[in-house]
């Protein structure tokens, strides 16, 4: 608590005590005036004394009640501050426990060693964007954090902010019909393997790749076929027209533009004719999504507008490329419109007419802002190899 906060509380206590004193004094004076007037015929002087005492008492009630209200508000605020501090402590503990849990899992997989989960693959040193395009020079200020530590922290970050396995799996099941009847599907940036599990359950053969070694390890623990590598390098190692489908969810926002174009070109070469591609990312055309989901993740490199990604897919040899929006913003978050009674809308009264014009303007502005700020949090382009 600051000096100013303590001074404010002391001032409030003095005001409350002063209000209590004046209230009690005025109540005592009123009581005395009533007792003095009791037992005999009231005179004008008796009436004036009682009336004056009553007016003074009523004046003190206002100050008394206001001081009590301020005290209640202060006490409630103090309790809320205590709750906020407790919740903050819980949030901190949650983060620390999440990272510790992932660390223990990593140690369990490789007891007594620093072997990565990639089974001999090189450790992940960055997200997809910098893995292939260019390796940054050594940073003398980087500290002692290892790539494994970075991967563990990012897995914990996804656990906390992207959602549970079940939540993500429920979202991704919407893409299952796109891959129905396909085989040898590649999940780029498979993460913890939520969609690979859905494909496996549906009887669709699939494998995943990810640059995060810990993500790959988590997916392997679930019995999934995953490899620790980057997308372009992996695609270049495959035979042409060997893939029956490709999906990358919440990946391309981590990529530099040149790398994204190379990824699309390689995918077009490795997919069979007619095979589908699904690329899901944050809908940065929705301001809420951009300033919350996109900006929150420190590994994001470049936002990609829906129409930009659609164009790039078409330019790389995909057809029937459509934009599918998902995760609509709840109505409770959107701006509200004004509903006027029918009698006001149909009235020719100047006041009613003016109100109707104002309501129309407010509603039109609400629609414009909702279409800019509160549409869908995610989108995907779905296309097919020519």
Protein backbone atom coordinates (compact mmCIF):
# COMPACT_ATOMS: atom_id res chain seq x y z
CA UNK A 1 0.00 0.00 0.00
CA UNK A 2 1.35 3.42 -0.97
CA UNK A 3 1.57 6.50 1.25
CA UNK A 4 -1.27 8.08 -0.74
CA UNK A 5 -3.46 5.00 -0.20
CA UNK A 6 -2.81 5.06 3.57
CA UNK A 7 -3.58 8.78 3.69
CA UNK A 8 -6.84 8.23 1.84
CA UNK A 9 -7.88 5.46 4.26
CA UNK A 10 -7.00 7.63 7.29
CA UNK A 11 -9.06 10.49 5.88
CA UNK A 12 -12.02 8.16 5.29
CA UNK A 13 -11.81 6.88 8.88
CA UNK A 14 -11.77 10.43 10.26
CA UNK A 15 -14.77 11.38 8.09
CA UNK A 16 -16.70 8.31 9.23
CA UNK A 17 -15.94 8.94 12.93
CA UNK A 18 -16.94 12.60 12.58
CA UNK A 19 -20.20 11.61 10.86
CA UNK A 20 -20.91 9.07 13.61
CA UNK A 21 -20.33 11.72 16.29
CA UNK A 22 -22.61 14.32 14.66
CA UNK A 23 -25.28 11.69 14.03
CA UNK A 24 -25.27 10.59 17.70
CA UNK A 25 -25.28 14.19 18.94
CA UNK A 26 -28.21 15.15 16.70
CA UNK A 27 -30.13 12.02 17.72
CA UNK A 28 -29.55 12.82 21.39
CA UNK A 29 -30.72 16.42 20.84
CA UNK A 30 -33.86 15.24 19.04
CA UNK A 31 -34.61 12.77 21.81
CA UNK A 32 -34.19 15.51 24.42
CA UNK A 33 -36.49 17.88 22.53
CA UNK A 34 -39.20 15.24 22.23
CA UNK A 35 -38.95 14.35 25.96
CA UNK A 36 -39.11 18.04 26.94
CA UNK A 37 -42.29 18.48 24.92
CA UNK A 38 -43.92 15.35 26.30
CA UNK A 39 -46.49 15.48 29.11
CA UNK A 40 -47.93 18.95 28.52
CA UNK A 41 -49.74 20.92 25.88
CA UNK A 42 -47.36 21.78 23.03
CA UNK A 43 -46.43 25.40 22.66
CA UNK A 44 -45.04 27.12 19.62
CA UNK A 45 -41.59 27.07 21.23
CA UNK A 46 -41.85 23.30 21.84
CA UNK A 47 -42.80 22.71 18.23
CA UNK A 48 -39.91 24.88 16.96
CA UNK A 49 -37.39 23.04 19.16
CA UNK A 50 -38.56 19.60 17.98
CA UNK A 51 -38.71 20.71 14.36
CA UNK A 52 -35.20 22.20 14.48
CA UNK A 53 -33.80 19.09 16.19
CA UNK A 54 -35.50 16.87 13.60
CA UNK A 55 -34.10 18.88 10.66
CA UNK A 56 -30.59 18.74 12.10
CA UNK A 57 -30.95 14.99 12.67
CA UNK A 58 -32.14 14.41 9.09
CA UNK A 59 -29.20 16.40 7.77
CA UNK A 60 -26.78 14.22 9.74
CA UNK A 61 -28.40 11.02 8.46
CA UNK A 62 -27.23 11.83 4.92
CA UNK A 63 -23.60 12.30 5.99
CA UNK A 64 -23.83 9.22 8.26
CA UNK A 65 -25.17 6.99 5.45
CA UNK A 66 -22.68 8.33 2.93
CA UNK A 67 -19.75 7.63 5.26
CA UNK A 68 -21.06 4.11 5.88
CA UNK A 69 -21.46 3.53 2.13
CA UNK A 70 -17.90 4.68 1.53
CA UNK A 71 -16.65 2.39 4.28
CA UNK A 72 -18.55 -0.58 2.85
CA UNK A 73 -17.18 0.20 -0.62
CA UNK A 74 -13.66 0.47 0.81
CA UNK A 75 -13.97 -2.83 2.67
CA UNK A 76 -15.44 -4.53 -0.40
CA UNK A 77 -12.60 -3.15 -2.51
CA UNK A 78 -10.06 -4.43 -0.01
CA UNK A 79 -11.63 -7.87 -0.11
CA UNK A 80 -11.62 -7.82 -3.92
CA UNK A 81 -7.95 -6.82 -3.86
CA UNK A 82 -7.27 -9.78 -1.60
CA UNK A 83 -9.16 -12.09 -3.97
CA UNK A 84 -7.30 -10.65 -6.97
CA UNK A 85 -3.97 -11.25 -5.28
CA UNK A 86 -5.02 -14.81 -4.46
CA UNK A 87 -6.10 -15.44 -8.05
CA UNK A 88 -2.84 -13.98 -9.30
CA UNK A 89 -0.96 -16.38 -7.05
CA UNK A 90 -3.06 -19.27 -8.39
CA UNK A 91 -2.30 -18.17 -11.97
CA UNK A 92 1.41 -18.03 -11.22
CA UNK A 93 1.28 -21.47 -9.59
CA UNK A 94 -0.64 -22.85 -12.55
CA UNK A 95 2.06 -21.66 -14.97
CA UNK A 96 4.88 -23.02 -12.84
CA UNK A 97 3.16 -26.38 -12.31
CA UNK A 98 2.43 -26.67 -16.03
CA UNK A 99 6.08 -26.17 -16.99
CA UNK A 100 7.20 -28.49 -14.18
CA UNK A 101 4.80 -31.19 -15.35
CA UNK A 102 6.15 -31.01 -18.90
CA UNK A 103 9.72 -31.06 -17.56
CA UNK A 104 9.04 -34.19 -15.52
CA UNK A 105 7.51 -35.87 -18.57
CA UNK A 106 10.62 -35.02 -20.59
CA UNK A 107 12.86 -36.45 -17.85
CA UNK A 108 10.73 -39.57 -17.70
CA UNK A 109 11.21 -40.13 -21.42
CA UNK A 110 14.99 -39.63 -21.24
CA UNK A 111 16.15 -40.57 -17.72
CA UNK A 112 19.64 -39.37 -16.92
CA UNK A 113 20.26 -37.84 -20.34
CA UNK A 114 19.73 -34.70 -22.37
CA UNK A 115 18.62 -36.59 -25.47
CA UNK A 116 15.89 -34.78 -27.35
CA UNK A 117 12.57 -36.34 -28.19
CA UNK A 118 13.43 -36.31 -31.87
CA UNK A 119 15.21 -39.65 -31.76
CA UNK A 120 18.54 -38.35 -33.02
CA UNK A 121 17.09 -35.38 -34.92
CA UNK A 122 18.74 -32.00 -34.24
CA UNK A 123 17.13 -30.01 -31.42
CA UNK A 124 14.57 -27.37 -32.28
CA UNK A 125 16.22 -23.98 -32.08
CA UNK A 126 13.32 -21.84 -33.28
CA UNK A 127 9.87 -21.94 -34.75
CA UNK A 128 9.38 -22.93 -38.39
CA UNK A 129 10.12 -19.43 -39.64
CA UNK A 130 13.82 -19.40 -38.84
CA UNK A 131 14.63 -23.11 -38.87
CA UNK A 132 15.23 -23.30 -42.61
CA UNK A 133 15.48 -19.78 -43.97
CA UNK A 134 18.41 -18.63 -41.89
CA UNK A 135 19.93 -19.50 -38.57
CA UNK A 136 20.47 -16.41 -36.41
CA UNK A 137 24.02 -15.69 -35.29
CA UNK A 138 24.95 -16.62 -31.71
CA UNK A 139 23.61 -14.11 -29.24
CA UNK A 140 26.04 -13.41 -26.38
CA UNK A 141 23.11 -12.06 -24.33
CA UNK A 142 20.96 -15.14 -24.80
CA UNK A 143 21.82 -16.66 -21.45
CA UNK A 144 21.96 -20.32 -20.58
CA UNK A 145 18.49 -21.43 -21.69
CA UNK A 146 18.73 -24.53 -23.87
CA UNK A 147 16.49 -25.35 -26.85
CA UNK A 148 14.90 -28.05 -24.72
CA UNK A 149 14.01 -25.48 -22.06
CA UNK A 150 12.47 -23.25 -24.74
CA UNK A 151 10.42 -26.11 -26.15
CA UNK A 152 9.13 -27.06 -22.71
CA UNK A 153 8.08 -23.49 -21.97
CA UNK A 154 6.24 -23.20 -25.27
CA UNK A 155 4.37 -26.46 -24.71
CA UNK A 156 3.31 -25.06 -21.33
CA UNK A 157 2.26 -21.85 -23.05
CA UNK A 158 0.03 -23.78 -25.46
CA UNK A 159 -1.40 -25.84 -22.60
CA UNK A 160 -2.47 -22.65 -20.85
CA UNK A 161 -3.63 -20.41 -23.68
CA UNK A 162 -4.61 -22.53 -26.66
CA UNK A 163 -6.70 -25.01 -24.72
CA UNK A 164 -6.84 -28.59 -23.55
CA UNK A 165 -6.39 -31.60 -25.82
CA UNK A 166 -10.14 -32.17 -25.76
CA UNK A 167 -10.94 -28.56 -26.66
CA UNK A 168 -8.55 -28.54 -29.61
CA UNK A 169 -9.68 -31.98 -30.76
CA UNK A 170 -13.31 -30.84 -30.81
CA UNK A 171 -12.40 -27.83 -32.97
CA UNK A 172 -10.30 -29.82 -35.42
CA UNK A 173 -12.87 -32.56 -36.00
CA UNK A 174 -14.62 -30.13 -38.34
CA UNK A 175 -11.85 -30.85 -40.88
CA UNK A 176 -12.25 -34.65 -40.81
CA UNK A 177 -14.78 -34.75 -43.70
CA UNK A 178 -12.20 -33.05 -45.96
CA UNK A 179 -9.89 -36.07 -45.58
CA UNK A 180 -12.53 -38.79 -45.72
CA UNK A 181 -11.35 -41.67 -47.90
CA UNK A 182 -7.80 -40.32 -48.07
CA UNK A 183 -4.56 -41.95 -46.93
CA UNK A 184 -1.05 -40.86 -46.01
CA UNK A 185 -2.11 -37.45 -44.68
CA UNK A 186 0.58 -35.15 -43.31
CA UNK A 187 -0.09 -32.94 -40.29
CA UNK A 188 2.42 -30.07 -40.39
CA UNK A 189 2.99 -28.59 -36.95
CA UNK A 190 1.08 -31.47 -35.40
CA UNK A 191 1.71 -30.20 -31.87
CA UNK A 192 0.39 -32.58 -29.25
CA UNK A 193 -1.26 -34.70 -31.96
CA UNK A 194 -4.92 -33.83 -31.47
CA UNK A 195 -5.84 -34.08 -35.16
CA UNK A 196 -3.65 -37.15 -35.68
CA UNK A 197 -5.72 -38.89 -33.02
CA UNK A 198 -8.93 -37.87 -34.83
CA UNK A 199 -7.58 -39.17 -38.14
CA UNK A 200 -6.47 -42.44 -36.54
CA UNK A 201 -9.88 -42.92 -34.95
CA UNK A 202 -11.51 -42.31 -38.36
CA UNK A 203 -9.26 -44.97 -39.94
CA UNK A 204 -7.23 -42.48 -41.99
CA UNK A 205 -3.49 -43.14 -42.10
CA UNK A 206 -1.49 -40.07 -41.14
CA UNK A 207 1.77 -38.83 -39.67
CA UNK A 208 2.88 -35.56 -38.16
CA UNK A 209 5.91 -33.30 -38.03
CA UNK A 210 6.83 -30.46 -35.69
CA UNK A 211 9.89 -28.35 -34.95
CA UNK A 212 9.17 -28.46 -31.24
CA UNK A 213 10.91 -31.54 -29.84
CA UNK A 214 8.75 -31.65 -26.74
CA UNK A 215 5.54 -31.50 -28.80
CA UNK A 216 6.79 -34.43 -30.84
CA UNK A 217 7.56 -36.35 -27.65
CA UNK A 218 4.08 -35.71 -26.27
CA UNK A 219 2.52 -36.96 -29.52
CA UNK A 220 4.74 -40.05 -29.53
CA UNK A 221 3.66 -40.85 -25.99
CA UNK A 222 0.16 -41.12 -27.45
CA UNK A 223 1.31 -43.73 -29.94
CA UNK A 224 1.37 -41.38 -32.93
CA UNK A 225 3.78 -41.37 -35.88
CA UNK A 226 5.59 -38.05 -35.51
CA UNK A 227 8.95 -36.67 -36.60
CA UNK A 228 10.98 -33.79 -35.23
CA UNK A 229 11.81 -31.71 -38.30
CA UNK A 230 10.71 -28.67 -40.26
CA UNK A 231 8.07 -28.69 -42.99
CA UNK A 232 10.02 -27.75 -46.12
CA UNK A 233 12.92 -30.10 -45.41
CA UNK A 234 10.54 -32.97 -44.73
CA UNK A 235 8.46 -32.35 -47.87
CA UNK A 236 11.61 -32.20 -49.99
CA UNK A 237 12.50 -35.69 -48.76
CA UNK A 238 9.23 -37.18 -50.06
CA UNK A 239 8.43 -38.55 -53.48
CA UNK A 240 6.28 -36.39 -55.72
CA UNK A 241 2.52 -37.03 -55.57
CA UNK A 242 2.94 -39.27 -52.51
CA UNK A 243 0.70 -37.47 -50.01
CA UNK A 244 -3.05 -37.94 -49.82
CA UNK A 245 -3.62 -34.70 -47.92
CA UNK A 246 -1.95 -32.02 -45.84
CA UNK A 247 -3.14 -29.98 -42.89
CA UNK A 248 -1.45 -27.28 -40.84
CA UNK A 249 -3.42 -25.69 -38.03
CA UNK A 250 -2.17 -22.57 -36.27
CA UNK A 251 1.21 -22.83 -38.03
CA UNK A 252 1.55 -20.33 -40.87
CA UNK A 253 1.45 -17.32 -38.54
CA UNK A 254 4.85 -18.57 -37.32
CA UNK A 255 6.37 -18.41 -40.81
CA UNK A 256 8.24 -15.80 -42.78
CA UNK A 257 6.57 -15.02 -46.16
CA UNK A 258 9.30 -16.67 -48.27
CA UNK A 259 9.09 -19.82 -46.19
CA UNK A 260 5.29 -19.93 -46.48
CA UNK A 261 5.50 -19.67 -50.28
CA UNK A 262 8.09 -22.48 -50.38
CA UNK A 263 5.86 -24.60 -48.15
CA UNK A 264 2.88 -24.16 -50.49
CA UNK A 265 4.99 -24.92 -53.58
CA UNK A 266 6.45 -28.07 -52.00
CA UNK A 267 3.01 -29.19 -50.82
CA UNK A 268 1.59 -28.79 -54.32
CA UNK A 269 4.41 -30.95 -55.68
CA UNK A 270 4.10 -33.71 -53.06
CA UNK A 271 0.31 -34.00 -52.96
CA UNK A 272 -1.53 -36.30 -55.31
CA UNK A 273 -3.83 -34.72 -57.90
CA UNK A 274 -7.11 -33.85 -56.21
CA UNK A 275 -5.65 -34.20 -52.69
CA UNK A 276 -6.83 -31.60 -50.16
CA UNK A 277 -4.84 -29.01 -48.26
CA UNK A 278 -6.12 -27.27 -45.12
CA UNK A 279 -4.30 -24.30 -43.60
CA UNK A 280 -5.87 -22.84 -40.46
CA UNK A 281 -4.66 -19.69 -38.77
CA UNK A 282 -5.80 -16.73 -36.69
CA UNK A 283 -8.27 -14.45 -38.44
CA UNK A 284 -6.30 -11.21 -38.20
CA UNK A 285 -9.08 -9.45 -40.13
CA UNK A 286 -10.99 -9.69 -36.84
CA UNK A 287 -9.54 -7.04 -34.54
CA UNK A 288 -10.33 -9.00 -31.38
CA UNK A 289 -8.46 -12.04 -32.74
CA UNK A 290 -5.49 -9.93 -33.79
CA UNK A 291 -5.11 -7.99 -30.54
CA UNK A 292 -5.71 -11.03 -28.31
CA UNK A 293 -4.86 -14.40 -29.87
CA UNK A 294 -2.28 -13.19 -32.38
CA UNK A 295 -0.47 -10.64 -30.23
CA UNK A 296 -0.41 -12.90 -27.15
CA UNK A 297 1.88 -15.53 -28.72
CA UNK A 298 5.47 -14.27 -28.73
CA UNK A 299 6.48 -16.79 -31.44
CA UNK A 300 4.15 -15.36 -34.08
CA UNK A 301 6.08 -13.86 -36.98
CA UNK A 302 3.63 -12.51 -39.55
CA UNK A 303 -0.18 -12.18 -39.67
CA UNK A 304 -1.78 -13.51 -42.85
CA UNK A 305 -5.04 -12.04 -44.15
CA UNK A 306 -7.62 -14.61 -45.36
CA UNK A 307 -7.65 -13.29 -48.92
CA UNK A 308 -3.84 -13.26 -49.02
CA UNK A 309 -3.62 -16.93 -48.06
CA UNK A 310 -6.34 -17.82 -50.55
CA UNK A 311 -4.39 -16.07 -53.31
CA UNK A 312 -1.12 -17.77 -52.38
CA UNK A 313 -2.76 -21.21 -52.44
CA UNK A 314 -4.25 -20.56 -55.87
CA UNK A 315 -0.95 -19.22 -57.17
CA UNK A 316 0.82 -22.39 -55.98
CA UNK A 317 -1.41 -24.74 -57.95
CA UNK A 318 -4.50 -25.37 -55.84
CA UNK A 319 -8.09 -25.06 -57.04
CA UNK A 320 -11.52 -24.70 -55.43
CA UNK A 321 -9.79 -22.74 -52.68
CA UNK A 322 -12.38 -21.50 -50.21
CA UNK A 323 -12.13 -19.58 -46.95
CA UNK A 324 -13.84 -21.20 -43.98
CA UNK A 325 -14.32 -19.13 -40.85
CA UNK A 326 -14.57 -20.71 -37.41
CA UNK A 327 -14.72 -19.82 -33.70
CA UNK A 328 -17.34 -17.05 -33.94
CA UNK A 329 -17.10 -14.31 -31.34
CA UNK A 330 -19.93 -14.75 -28.79
CA UNK A 331 -22.83 -12.29 -29.06
CA UNK A 332 -22.22 -11.25 -25.45
CA UNK A 333 -18.94 -9.67 -26.55
CA UNK A 334 -20.31 -7.85 -29.59
CA UNK A 335 -21.61 -4.28 -29.62
CA UNK A 336 -25.32 -4.02 -28.90
CA UNK A 337 -27.99 -2.37 -31.04
CA UNK A 338 -30.84 -0.14 -29.86
CA UNK A 339 -34.38 -1.49 -30.09
CA UNK A 340 -37.06 1.22 -29.98
CA UNK A 341 -40.76 0.52 -29.37
CA UNK A 342 -42.92 0.25 -32.49
CA UNK A 343 -44.93 3.31 -31.48
CA UNK A 344 -41.77 5.41 -31.48
CA UNK A 345 -40.62 4.08 -34.86
CA UNK A 346 -43.99 4.76 -36.52
CA UNK A 347 -44.71 8.06 -34.81
CA UNK A 348 -44.53 11.36 -36.73
CA UNK A 349 -43.78 13.26 -33.55
CA UNK A 350 -40.52 15.25 -34.00
CA UNK A 351 -39.01 13.80 -30.83
CA UNK A 352 -39.81 10.23 -31.86
CA UNK A 353 -38.48 10.88 -35.36
CA UNK A 354 -35.22 12.20 -33.92
CA UNK A 355 -34.88 9.19 -31.61
CA UNK A 356 -35.48 6.83 -34.54
CA UNK A 357 -32.73 8.55 -36.57
CA UNK A 358 -30.29 8.34 -33.65
CA UNK A 359 -31.11 4.65 -33.08
CA UNK A 360 -30.65 3.93 -36.80
CA UNK A 361 -27.21 5.59 -36.78
CA UNK A 362 -26.14 3.76 -33.62
CA UNK A 363 -27.29 0.41 -35.04
CA UNK A 364 -25.55 1.00 -38.37
CA UNK A 365 -22.31 1.88 -36.58
CA UNK A 366 -22.65 -1.21 -34.35
CA UNK A 367 -22.95 -3.42 -37.44
CA UNK A 368 -19.87 -1.83 -39.03
CA UNK A 369 -17.78 -2.22 -35.86
CA UNK A 370 -18.97 -5.79 -35.25
CA UNK A 371 -17.95 -6.71 -38.80
CA UNK A 372 -14.49 -5.27 -38.18
CA UNK A 373 -13.85 -6.25 -34.60
CA UNK A 374 -16.03 -9.19 -33.57
CA UNK A 375 -16.47 -11.73 -36.39
CA UNK A 376 -14.54 -15.04 -36.24
CA UNK A 377 -11.35 -15.74 -34.33
CA UNK A 378 -9.96 -18.29 -36.83
CA UNK A 379 -10.18 -19.16 -40.49
CA UNK A 380 -8.85 -21.84 -42.82
CA UNK A 381 -8.32 -22.10 -46.54
CA UNK A 382 -9.39 -25.44 -47.99
CA UNK A 383 -8.18 -26.28 -51.48
CA UNK A 384 -7.37 -29.22 -53.74
CA UNK A 385 -4.31 -30.04 -55.81
CA UNK A 386 -4.95 -29.50 -59.50
